[in-house]
C-alpha cells in the first residue's frame, strides 16, 4: 500500500507514550494515527487563533 506520508522517528517519555497508547485504544486508532490526529488538532487550533500557517515553496512544487 503506497502512501504519501513522510516517515518520522519520534521519541517520547514513557508516560506520554502510554497515555497516547491508551487514548488510541479507546478511540480505536493505532498509536501512529492517534499522534497524527493530535497533531492535526493542535495545528487546527493554532491556525484558528493565529491564521493559516504559510509554508515556503519547495523546489519539488
Protein backbone atom coordinates (compact mmCIF):
# COMPACT_ATOMS: atom_id res chain seq x y z
CA UNK A 1 0.00 0.00 0.00
CA UNK A 2 1.63 3.23 -1.17
CA UNK A 3 1.35 6.34 0.97
CA UNK A 4 2.18 10.00 0.62
CA UNK A 5 3.08 10.24 4.30
CA UNK A 6 6.62 11.02 5.39
CA UNK A 7 8.08 8.54 7.86
CA UNK A 8 9.44 10.07 11.05
CA UNK A 9 11.01 8.84 14.23
CA UNK A 10 9.57 10.21 17.42
CA UNK A 11 10.99 9.75 20.91
CA UNK A 12 8.52 10.11 23.74
CA UNK A 13 8.77 9.82 27.51
CA UNK A 14 7.28 6.50 28.64
CA UNK A 15 4.36 8.12 30.48
CA UNK A 16 3.29 10.16 27.44
CA UNK A 17 3.59 7.14 25.16
CA UNK A 18 1.45 5.01 27.47
CA UNK A 19 -1.21 7.72 27.68
CA UNK A 20 -1.25 8.08 23.89
CA UNK A 21 -1.49 4.29 23.61
CA UNK A 22 -4.47 4.31 25.97
CA UNK A 23 -6.22 7.07 24.00
CA UNK A 24 -5.55 5.20 20.76
CA UNK A 25 -7.15 2.08 22.23
CA UNK A 26 -10.20 4.00 23.47
CA UNK A 27 -10.64 5.78 20.13
CA UNK A 28 -9.89 2.63 18.11
CA UNK A 29 -6.84 4.06 16.35
CA UNK A 30 -3.25 2.96 16.01
CA UNK A 31 -0.73 4.85 18.13
CA UNK A 32 0.61 6.43 14.95
CA UNK A 33 -2.85 7.59 13.85
CA UNK A 34 -3.57 8.90 17.36
CA UNK A 35 -0.41 11.02 17.25
CA UNK A 36 -1.32 12.24 13.74
CA UNK A 37 -4.83 13.11 14.95
CA UNK A 38 -3.47 15.00 17.99
CA UNK A 39 -1.04 16.98 15.84
CA UNK A 40 -3.76 17.79 13.30
CA UNK A 41 -5.98 19.10 16.11
CA UNK A 42 -3.11 21.17 17.54
CA UNK A 43 -2.41 22.72 14.13
CA UNK A 44 -6.12 23.44 13.52
CA UNK A 45 -6.39 25.13 16.94
CA UNK A 46 -3.23 27.17 16.30
CA UNK A 47 -4.42 28.28 12.87
CA UNK A 48 -7.86 29.18 14.23
CA UNK A 49 -6.17 31.51 16.71
CA UNK A 50 -3.28 32.85 14.60
CA UNK A 51 -4.34 32.33 10.99
CA UNK A 52 -3.12 29.84 8.41
CA UNK A 53 0.50 28.73 8.56
CA UNK A 54 2.15 29.75 5.30
CA UNK A 55 4.70 27.19 4.19
CA UNK A 56 7.56 28.22 1.90
CA UNK A 57 7.53 26.82 -1.62
CA UNK A 58 9.93 23.97 -2.21
CA UNK A 59 11.74 23.07 -5.42
CA UNK A 60 9.53 19.96 -5.68
CA UNK A 61 6.34 22.04 -6.13
